């Protein structure tokens, strides 16, 4: 059975994890605005390295495996296999750790109708025998509990190294059964650096890949500069106020427990 990732709307409906390599930021310590959807208002800022769809896959896999682990630990071999990587040798582990370093050095500010998070993408430390221990910054768990879409990790893995296809996979899953968006808006939203002339054929090829790999994707139409997506229902987490309050209390308790455990682990004896 495939592992199920929880993907915040703010990540899936923005150019945080861009489909094209972006120009290097003038400063990686200063917060910069990230293009995000406005039909469901999302305010997103980030400081740190530019992130790509490879970072998105790494974030999803590591947070999913850590969330499942009673100790928040992840074996790098398990993460690579969940990513669909053929090799689990040392060079592949180093590349994965490089992605995790970029993520750990990134800070985000997310504001939506339901979320208000300010902090790192996550924190981690290396452990012996090819493992890492993930630390959940306060509030990060709540991003996985509300305003998120649940998707099997093997969906992205099946799309391989096609950034626009993996971005569309997650983006489409967050929407209702039929959704329309202008191609120009979509090009900006996914962080593509292609011209409009070159973007459309790449988009068609990527949509065909998603349609072949994702059971929820039914079909698409492009006419008069507008893309219409047709999909089956996907599991989306949108908590009612009482459930959200309960979840928030639970996550605060887990955050406090993890902080205490982390402090004990660092005591010098």
C-alpha atoms as a PDB file:
ATOM      1  CA  UNK A   1       0.000   0.000   0.000  1.00  0.00           C
ATOM      2  CA  UNK A   2       1.339   3.407  -0.971  1.00  0.00           C
ATOM      3  CA  UNK A   3       2.223   5.955   1.673  1.00  0.00           C
ATOM      4  CA  UNK A   4      -0.150   8.918   1.779  1.00  0.00           C
ATOM      5  CA  UNK A   5       1.350  12.401   1.823  1.00  0.00           C
ATOM      6  CA  UNK A   6      -0.432  15.446   3.215  1.00  0.00           C
ATOM      7  CA  UNK A   7       0.280  18.470   1.058  1.00  0.00           C
ATOM      8  CA  UNK A   8      -0.667  21.975   2.268  1.00  0.00           C
ATOM      9  CA  UNK A   9      -2.675  24.046  -0.200  1.00  0.00           C
ATOM     10  CA  UNK A  10      -0.075  26.808   0.167  1.00  0.00           C
ATOM     11  CA  UNK A  11       2.575  24.477  -1.261  1.00  0.00           C
ATOM     12  CA  UNK A  12       0.457  22.939  -4.027  1.00  0.00           C
ATOM     13  CA  UNK A  13      -1.082  26.214  -5.224  1.00  0.00           C
ATOM     14  CA  UNK A  14       2.036  28.346  -5.476  1.00  0.00           C
ATOM     15  CA  UNK A  15       5.450  28.639  -7.093  1.00  0.00           C
ATOM     16  CA  UNK A  16       7.253  27.865  -3.820  1.00  0.00           C
ATOM     17  CA  UNK A  17       8.493  24.649  -5.443  1.00  0.00           C
ATOM     18  CA  UNK A  18       8.968  26.016  -8.946  1.00  0.00           C
ATOM     19  CA  UNK A  19       8.965  23.950 -12.141  1.00  0.00           C
ATOM     20  CA  UNK A  20      11.934  25.890 -13.559  1.00  0.00           C
ATOM     21  CA  UNK A  21      15.245  26.853 -12.007  1.00  0.00           C
ATOM     22  CA  UNK A  22      14.802  30.452 -10.885  1.00  0.00           C
ATOM     23  CA  UNK A  23      17.442  33.213 -10.842  1.00  0.00           C
ATOM     24  CA  UNK A  24      19.396  33.165  -7.592  1.00  0.00           C
ATOM     25  CA  UNK A  25      17.853  35.492  -4.983  1.00  0.00           C
ATOM     26  CA  UNK A  26      19.810  38.613  -4.078  1.00  0.00           C
ATOM     27  CA  UNK A  27      19.624  37.552  -0.447  1.00  0.00           C
ATOM     28  CA  UNK A  28      18.657  34.167   0.927  1.00  0.00           C
ATOM     29  CA  UNK A  29      18.005  35.672   4.368  1.00  0.00           C
ATOM     30  CA  UNK A  30      15.425  38.274   3.284  1.00  0.00           C
ATOM     31  CA  UNK A  31      11.779  37.273   2.917  1.00  0.00           C
ATOM     32  CA  UNK A  32      10.459  37.457  -0.658  1.00  0.00           C
ATOM     33  CA  UNK A  33       6.949  37.129  -2.029  1.00  0.00           C
ATOM     34  CA  UNK A  34       6.053  33.826  -3.671  1.00  0.00           C
ATOM     35  CA  UNK A  35       3.388  33.718  -6.372  1.00  0.00           C
ATOM     36  CA  UNK A  36       0.339  31.939  -4.971  1.00  0.00           C
ATOM     37  CA  UNK A  37      -3.296  31.360  -5.893  1.00  0.00           C
ATOM     38  CA  UNK A  38      -5.729  34.187  -5.200  1.00  0.00           C
ATOM     39  CA  UNK A  39      -9.047  32.500  -6.008  1.00  0.00           C
ATOM     40  CA  UNK A  40      -8.498  30.817  -2.629  1.00  0.00           C
ATOM     41  CA  UNK A  41      -6.380  33.601  -1.102  1.00  0.00           C
ATOM     42  CA  UNK A  42      -2.902  32.504  -0.064  1.00  0.00           C
ATOM     43  CA  UNK A  43      -0.170  34.836   1.154  1.00  0.00           C
ATOM     44  CA  UNK A  44       3.233  33.151   1.004  1.00  0.00           C
ATOM     45  CA  UNK A  45       6.723  34.471   1.640  1.00  0.00           C
ATOM     46  CA  UNK A  46       9.996  32.590   1.779  1.00  0.00           C
ATOM     47  CA  UNK A  47      13.601  33.159   2.770  1.00  0.00           C
ATOM     48  CA  UNK A  48      16.310  30.728   1.778  1.00  0.00           C
ATOM     49  CA  UNK A  49      17.465  28.889  -1.344  1.00  0.00           C
ATOM     50  CA  UNK A  50      15.232  28.663  -4.399  1.00  0.00           C
ATOM     51  CA  UNK A  51      13.220  25.452  -4.167  1.00  0.00           C
ATOM     52  CA  UNK A  52      12.225  23.119  -6.999  1.00  0.00           C
ATOM     53  CA  UNK A  53       9.918  20.164  -7.496  1.00  0.00           C
ATOM     54  CA  UNK A  54      12.765  17.898  -6.347  1.00  0.00           C
ATOM     55  CA  UNK A  55      12.582  19.688  -2.985  1.00  0.00           C
ATOM     56  CA  UNK A  56       8.796  19.251  -2.967  1.00  0.00           C
ATOM     57  CA  UNK A  57       9.135  15.490  -3.410  1.00  0.00           C
ATOM     58  CA  UNK A  58      11.784  15.296  -0.678  1.00  0.00           C
ATOM     59  CA  UNK A  59       9.638  17.351   1.721  1.00  0.00           C
ATOM     60  CA  UNK A  60       6.585  15.179   1.106  1.00  0.00           C
ATOM     61  CA  UNK A  61       8.463  11.909   1.535  1.00  0.00           C
ATOM     62  CA  UNK A  62      10.394  12.879   4.658  1.00  0.00           C
ATOM     63  CA  UNK A  63       7.434  14.477   6.457  1.00  0.00           C
ATOM     64  CA  UNK A  64       5.216  11.511   5.551  1.00  0.00           C
ATOM     65  CA  UNK A  65       7.693   8.938   6.838  1.00  0.00           C
ATOM     66  CA  UNK A  66       8.458  10.989   9.962  1.00  0.00           C
ATOM     67  CA  UNK A  67       4.750  11.492  10.664  1.00  0.00           C
ATOM     68  CA  UNK A  68       4.323   7.719  10.499  1.00  0.00           C
ATOM     69  CA  UNK A  69       7.314   6.960  12.735  1.00  0.00           C
ATOM     70  CA  UNK A  70       6.794   6.928  16.528  1.00  0.00           C
ATOM     71  CA  UNK A  71      10.232   8.535  16.913  1.00  0.00           C
ATOM     72  CA  UNK A  72      10.013  10.917  13.938  1.00  0.00           C
ATOM     73  CA  UNK A  73      12.931   9.062  12.376  1.00  0.00           C
ATOM     74  CA  UNK A  74      13.446   8.328   8.691  1.00  0.00           C
ATOM     75  CA  UNK A  75      15.806   5.872   7.034  1.00  0.00           C
ATOM     76  CA  UNK A  76      17.357   7.457   3.959  1.00  0.00           C
ATOM     77  CA  UNK A  77      16.952   4.187   2.063  1.00  0.00           C
ATOM     78  CA  UNK A  78      13.199   4.240   2.758  1.00  0.00           C
ATOM     79  CA  UNK A  79      12.994   7.863   1.622  1.00  0.00           C
ATOM     80  CA  UNK A  80      14.838   7.136  -1.627  1.00  0.00           C
ATOM     81  CA  UNK A  81      12.597   4.174  -2.368  1.00  0.00           C
ATOM     82  CA  UNK A  82       9.494   6.288  -1.720  1.00  0.00           C
ATOM     83  CA  UNK A  83      10.907   8.852  -4.146  1.00  0.00           C
ATOM     84  CA  UNK A  84      11.170   6.150  -6.797  1.00  0.00           C
ATOM     85  CA  UNK A  85      14.958   6.515  -7.018  1.00  0.00           C
ATOM     86  CA  UNK A  86      16.598   3.503  -8.646  1.00  0.00           C
ATOM     87  CA  UNK A  87      19.843   3.806  -6.694  1.00  0.00           C
ATOM     88  CA  UNK A  88      20.080   3.882  -2.901  1.00  0.00           C
ATOM     89  CA  UNK A  89      23.868   4.178  -2.877  1.00  0.00           C
ATOM     90  CA  UNK A  90      25.935   6.855  -1.164  1.00  0.00           C
ATOM     91  CA  UNK A  91      25.693   9.456  -3.955  1.00  0.00           C
ATOM     92  CA  UNK A  92      21.872   9.261  -3.905  1.00  0.00           C
ATOM     93  CA  UNK A  93      21.831   9.695  -0.124  1.00  0.00           C
ATOM     94  CA  UNK A  94      24.118  12.722  -0.404  1.00  0.00           C
ATOM     95  CA  UNK A  95      21.842  14.310  -2.983  1.00  0.00           C
ATOM     96  CA  UNK A  96      18.824  13.723  -0.738  1.00  0.00           C
ATOM     97  CA  UNK A  97      20.644  15.232   2.244  1.00  0.00           C
ATOM     98  CA  UNK A  98      21.470  18.251   0.075  1.00  0.00           C
ATOM     99  CA  UNK A  99      17.762  18.738  -0.620  1.00  0.00           C
ATOM    100  CA  UNK A 100      16.995  18.393   3.092  1.00  0.00           C
ATOM    101  CA  UNK A 101      19.664  20.980   3.921  1.00  0.00           C
ATOM    102  CA  UNK A 102      18.009  23.447   1.522  1.00  0.00           C
ATOM    103  CA  UNK A 103      14.606  22.783   3.077  1.00  0.00           C
ATOM    104  CA  UNK A 104      15.884  23.088   6.638  1.00  0.00           C
ATOM    105  CA  UNK A 105      17.512  26.436   5.814  1.00  0.00           C
ATOM    106  CA  UNK A 106      14.278  27.795   4.305  1.00  0.00           C
ATOM    107  CA  UNK A 107      11.757  29.777   6.313  1.00  0.00           C
ATOM    108  CA  UNK A 108       8.210  30.455   5.178  1.00  0.00           C
ATOM    109  CA  UNK A 109       5.374  32.755   6.204  1.00  0.00           C
ATOM    110  CA  UNK A 110       1.977  31.332   5.269  1.00  0.00           C
ATOM    111  CA  UNK A 111      -1.321  33.137   5.766  1.00  0.00           C
ATOM    112  CA  UNK A 112      -4.649  31.786   4.543  1.00  0.00           C
ATOM    113  CA  UNK A 113      -8.205  31.653   5.851  1.00  0.00           C
ATOM    114  CA  UNK A 114      -7.182  28.756   8.082  1.00  0.00           C
ATOM    115  CA  UNK A 115      -3.419  28.895   8.511  1.00  0.00           C
ATOM    116  CA  UNK A 116      -0.934  31.347   9.971  1.00  0.00           C
ATOM    117  CA  UNK A 117       2.474  29.694  10.071  1.00  0.00           C
ATOM    118  CA  UNK A 118       5.872  31.309  10.353  1.00  0.00           C
ATOM    119  CA  UNK A 119       8.912  29.124  10.629  1.00  0.00           C
ATOM    120  CA  UNK A 120      11.226  26.646   8.924  1.00  0.00           C
ATOM    121  CA  UNK A 121      10.071  24.031   6.423  1.00  0.00           C
ATOM    122  CA  UNK A 122      11.273  21.525   9.009  1.00  0.00           C
ATOM    123  CA  UNK A 123      14.368  20.754  11.051  1.00  0.00           C
ATOM    124  CA  UNK A 124      16.405  17.590  11.122  1.00  0.00           C
ATOM    125  CA  UNK A 125      19.622  16.049  12.365  1.00  0.00           C
ATOM    126  CA  UNK A 126      21.637  13.140  11.064  1.00  0.00           C
ATOM    127  CA  UNK A 127      21.712   9.888  13.003  1.00  0.00           C
ATOM    128  CA  UNK A 128      23.981   6.853  12.674  1.00  0.00           C
ATOM    129  CA  UNK A 129      23.230   4.059  10.192  1.00  0.00           C
ATOM    130  CA  UNK A 130      21.794   6.253   7.450  1.00  0.00           C
ATOM    131  CA  UNK A 131      18.921   7.785   9.393  1.00  0.00           C
ATOM    132  CA  UNK A 132      17.672  11.287  10.133  1.00  0.00           C
ATOM    133  CA  UNK A 133      15.526  12.582  12.973  1.00  0.00           C
ATOM    134  CA  UNK A 134      12.910  15.168  12.033  1.00  0.00           C
ATOM    135  CA  UNK A 135      11.918  17.942  14.431  1.00  0.00           C
ATOM    136  CA  UNK A 136       8.525  19.567  13.924  1.00  0.00           C
ATOM    137  CA  UNK A 137       8.681  23.332  14.505  1.00  0.00           C
ATOM    138  CA  UNK A 138       5.647  24.618  16.448  1.00  0.00           C
ATOM    139  CA  UNK A 139       2.677  24.900  14.109  1.00  0.00           C
ATOM    140  CA  UNK A 140       4.102  22.809  11.276  1.00  0.00           C
ATOM    141  CA  UNK A 141       1.993  19.759  12.118  1.00  0.00           C
ATOM    142  CA  UNK A 142      -1.132  21.891  11.742  1.00  0.00           C
ATOM    143  CA  UNK A 143      -0.234  22.470   8.089  1.00  0.00           C
ATOM    144  CA  UNK A 144      -0.677  18.720   7.617  1.00  0.00           C
ATOM    145  CA  UNK A 145      -3.932  18.517   9.569  1.00  0.00           C
ATOM    146  CA  UNK A 146      -6.027  21.239   7.925  1.00  0.00           C
ATOM    147  CA  UNK A 147      -6.224  22.791   4.453  1.00  0.00           C
ATOM    148  CA  UNK A 148      -4.237  19.954   2.898  1.00  0.00           C
ATOM    149  CA  UNK A 149      -4.788  17.346   0.197  1.00  0.00           C
ATOM    150  CA  UNK A 150      -3.977  13.666   0.765  1.00  0.00           C
ATOM    151  CA  UNK A 151      -2.225  11.922  -2.117  1.00  0.00           C
ATOM    152  CA  UNK A 152      -0.297   8.652  -2.512  1.00  0.00           C
ATOM    153  CA  UNK A 153       3.413   9.234  -2.862  1.00  0.00           C
ATOM    154  CA  UNK A 154       3.694   6.785  -5.729  1.00  0.00           C
ATOM    155  CA  UNK A 155       1.671   9.210  -7.877  1.00  0.00           C
ATOM    156  CA  UNK A 156       4.543  11.698  -7.974  1.00  0.00           C
ATOM    157  CA  UNK A 157       7.131   8.922  -8.178  1.00  0.00           C
ATOM    158  CA  UNK A 158       5.433   7.553 -11.315  1.00  0.00           C
ATOM    159  CA  UNK A 159       5.842  10.938 -13.016  1.00  0.00           C
ATOM    160  CA  UNK A 160       9.609  10.825 -12.631  1.00  0.00           C
ATOM    161  CA  UNK A 161      11.736  13.863 -13.379  1.00  0.00           C
ATOM    162  CA  UNK A 162       9.037  15.948 -15.075  1.00  0.00           C
ATOM    163  CA  UNK A 163       8.661  19.016 -12.824  1.00  0.00           C
ATOM    164  CA  UNK A 164       5.635  20.527 -14.567  1.00  0.00           C
ATOM    165  CA  UNK A 165       3.820  17.175 -14.383  1.00  0.00           C
ATOM    166  CA  UNK A 166       4.498  16.723 -10.655  1.00  0.00           C
ATOM    167  CA  UNK A 167       3.406  20.302  -9.954  1.00  0.00           C
ATOM    168  CA  UNK A 168       0.176  19.807 -11.940  1.00  0.00           C
ATOM    169  CA  UNK A 169      -0.435  16.507 -10.150  1.00  0.00           C
ATOM    170  CA  UNK A 170      -0.633  18.213  -6.751  1.00  0.00           C
ATOM    171  CA  UNK A 171      -2.256  21.419  -7.979  1.00  0.00           C
ATOM    172  CA  UNK A 172      -5.094  19.611  -9.759  1.00  0.00           C
ATOM    173  CA  UNK A 173      -5.794  17.404  -6.739  1.00  0.00           C
ATOM    174  CA  UNK A 174      -6.577  20.415  -4.525  1.00  0.00           C
ATOM    175  CA  UNK A 175      -9.440  21.613  -6.717  1.00  0.00           C
ATOM    176  CA  UNK A 176     -13.074  20.747  -7.212  1.00  0.00           C
ATOM    177  CA  UNK A 177     -14.206  18.378  -9.964  1.00  0.00           C
ATOM    178  CA  UNK A 178     -14.160  20.995 -12.725  1.00  0.00           C
ATOM    179  CA  UNK A 179     -11.787  23.929 -12.574  1.00  0.00           C
ATOM    180  CA  UNK A 180     -10.761  26.623 -15.055  1.00  0.00           C
ATOM    181  CA  UNK A 181      -7.623  28.741 -15.130  1.00  0.00           C
ATOM    182  CA  UNK A 182      -6.071  31.021 -17.738  1.00  0.00           C
ATOM    183  CA  UNK A 183      -2.839  29.688 -19.215  1.00  0.00           C
ATOM    184  CA  UNK A 184      -1.009  32.939 -18.463  1.00  0.00           C
ATOM    185  CA  UNK A 185      -2.032  32.724 -14.803  1.00  0.00           C
ATOM    186  CA  UNK A 186      -1.031  29.073 -14.618  1.00  0.00           C
ATOM    187  CA  UNK A 187       2.383  29.791 -16.151  1.00  0.00           C
ATOM    188  CA  UNK A 188       3.121  32.399 -13.487  1.00  0.00           C
ATOM    189  CA  UNK A 189       1.683  30.285 -10.680  1.00  0.00           C
ATOM    190  CA  UNK A 190       3.873  27.247 -11.354  1.00  0.00           C
ATOM    191  CA  UNK A 191       7.037  29.341 -11.628  1.00  0.00           C
ATOM    192  CA  UNK A 192       7.760  28.544 -15.273  1.00  0.00           C
ATOM    193  CA  UNK A 193      10.389  30.622 -17.051  1.00  0.00           C
ATOM    194  CA  UNK A 194       9.162  29.554 -20.508  1.00  0.00           C
ATOM    195  CA  UNK A 195       7.549  31.984 -22.909  1.00  0.00           C
ATOM    196  CA  UNK A 196       3.826  31.579 -23.553  1.00  0.00           C
ATOM    197  CA  UNK A 197       4.644  30.108 -26.982  1.00  0.00           C
ATOM    198  CA  UNK A 198       6.832  27.361 -25.511  1.00  0.00           C
ATOM    199  CA  UNK A 199       4.799  26.811 -22.344  1.00  0.00           C
ATOM    200  CA  UNK A 200       1.638  25.481 -24.000  1.00  0.00           C
ATOM    201  CA  UNK A 201       3.183  22.391 -25.688  1.00  0.00           C
ATOM    202  CA  UNK A 202       5.068  21.570 -22.471  1.00  0.00           C
ATOM    203  CA  UNK A 203       1.801  21.930 -20.575  1.00  0.00           C
ATOM    204  CA  UNK A 204      -0.024  19.538 -22.901  1.00  0.00           C
ATOM    205  CA  UNK A 205       2.742  16.942 -22.570  1.00  0.00           C
ATOM    206  CA  UNK A 206       2.720  17.286 -18.773  1.00  0.00           C
ATOM    207  CA  UNK A 207      -1.074  17.012 -18.561  1.00  0.00           C
ATOM    208  CA  UNK A 208      -0.962  13.832 -20.638  1.00  0.00           C
ATOM    209  CA  UNK A 209       1.564  12.362 -18.205  1.00  0.00           C
ATOM    210  CA  UNK A 210      -0.592  13.241 -15.207  1.00  0.00           C
ATOM    211  CA  UNK A 211      -3.676  11.788 -16.882  1.00  0.00           C
ATOM    212  CA  UNK A 212      -1.826   8.510 -17.471  1.00  0.00           C
ATOM    213  CA  UNK A 213      -0.462   8.302 -13.912  1.00  0.00           C
ATOM    214  CA  UNK A 214      -3.141   9.799 -11.625  1.00  0.00           C
ATOM    215  CA  UNK A 215      -6.435   7.909 -11.142  1.00  0.00           C
ATOM    216  CA  UNK A 216      -8.203  11.108 -10.045  1.00  0.00           C
ATOM    217  CA  UNK A 217      -7.403  12.968 -13.289  1.00  0.00           C
ATOM    218  CA  UNK A 218     -10.155  12.485 -15.879  1.00  0.00           C
ATOM    219  CA  UNK A 219      -9.477  14.869 -18.746  1.00  0.00           C
ATOM    220  CA  UNK A 220      -8.607  18.406 -19.720  1.00  0.00           C
ATOM    221  CA  UNK A 221      -9.549  20.937 -22.389  1.00  0.00           C
ATOM    222  CA  UNK A 222      -7.670  23.980 -23.651  1.00  0.00           C
ATOM    223  CA  UNK A 223      -9.570  26.647 -25.557  1.00  0.00           C
ATOM    224  CA  UNK A 224      -9.205  30.421 -25.959  1.00  0.00           C
ATOM    225  CA  UNK A 225      -6.263  30.566 -23.579  1.00  0.00           C
ATOM    226  CA  UNK A 226      -8.081  28.748 -20.765  1.00  0.00           C
ATOM    227  CA  UNK A 227      -7.334  25.320 -19.289  1.00  0.00           C
ATOM    228  CA  UNK A 228     -10.302  23.339 -17.953  1.00  0.00           C
ATOM    229  CA  UNK A 229      -9.485  20.448 -15.624  1.00  0.00           C
ATOM    230  CA  UNK A 230     -11.874  17.575 -14.934  1.00  0.00           C
ATOM    231  CA  UNK A 231     -11.134  15.298 -11.993  1.00  0.00           C
ATOM    232  CA  UNK A 232     -12.633  12.783  -9.604  1.00  0.00           C
ATOM    233  CA  UNK A 233     -12.987  13.636  -5.907  1.00  0.00           C
ATOM    234  CA  UNK A 234      -9.788  13.629  -3.860  1.00  0.00           C
ATOM    235  CA  UNK A 235      -9.428  13.579  -0.094  1.00  0.00           C
ATOM    236  CA  UNK A 236      -9.034  17.110   1.207  1.00  0.00           C
ATOM    237  CA  UNK A 237      -8.647  18.030   4.884  1.00  0.00           C
ATOM    238  CA  UNK A 238     -10.780  21.046   5.841  1.00  0.00           C
ATOM    239  CA  UNK A 239     -11.639  20.930   9.529  1.00  0.00           C
ATOM    240  CA  UNK A 240     -14.674  22.541  11.124  1.00  0.00           C
ATOM    241  CA  UNK A 241     -13.887  25.050  13.924  1.00  0.00           C
ATOM    242  CA  UNK A 242     -14.402  22.590  16.813  1.00  0.00           C
ATOM    243  CA  UNK A 243     -12.314  19.880  15.199  1.00  0.00           C
ATOM    244  CA  UNK A 244      -9.633  22.433  14.356  1.00  0.00           C
ATOM    245  CA  UNK A 245      -9.463  23.628  17.966  1.00  0.00           C
ATOM    246  CA  UNK A 246      -9.106  20.030  19.139  1.00  0.00           C
ATOM    247  CA  UNK A 247      -6.408  19.297  16.565  1.00  0.00           C
ATOM    248  CA  UNK A 248      -4.548  22.480  17.505  1.00  0.00           C
ATOM    249  CA  UNK A 249      -4.508  21.416  21.150  1.00  0.00           C
ATOM    250  CA  UNK A 250      -3.208  17.981  20.172  1.00  0.00           C
ATOM    251  CA  UNK A 251      -0.457  19.387  17.977  1.00  0.00           C
ATOM    252  CA  UNK A 252       0.607  21.868  20.669  1.00  0.00           C
ATOM    253  CA  UNK A 253       0.904  18.941  23.073  1.00  0.00           C
ATOM    254  CA  UNK A 254       2.967  16.973  20.539  1.00  0.00           C
ATOM    255  CA  UNK A 255       5.167  20.006  19.874  1.00  0.00           C
ATOM    256  CA  UNK A 256       5.793  20.441  23.605  1.00  0.00           C
ATOM    257  CA  UNK A 257       6.500  16.739  24.070  1.00  0.00           C
ATOM    258  CA  UNK A 258       8.955  16.717  21.177  1.00  0.00           C
ATOM    259  CA  UNK A 259      10.700  19.846  22.465  1.00  0.00           C
ATOM    260  CA  UNK A 260      11.096  18.244  25.891  1.00  0.00           C
ATOM    261  CA  UNK A 261      12.425  15.030  24.362  1.00  0.00           C
ATOM    262  CA  UNK A 262      14.830  17.003  22.187  1.00  0.00           C
ATOM    263  CA  UNK A 263      16.093  18.928  25.227  1.00  0.00           C
ATOM    264  CA  UNK A 264      16.681  15.701  27.124  1.00  0.00           C
ATOM    265  CA  UNK A 265      18.574  14.282  24.151  1.00  0.00           C
ATOM    266  CA  UNK A 266      20.950  17.264  24.194  1.00  0.00           C
ATOM    267  CA  UNK A 267      21.749  17.262  27.926  1.00  0.00           C
ATOM    268  CA  UNK A 268      25.508  16.850  28.447  1.00  0.00           C
ATOM    269  CA  UNK A 269      26.231  14.123  30.980  1.00  0.00           C
END
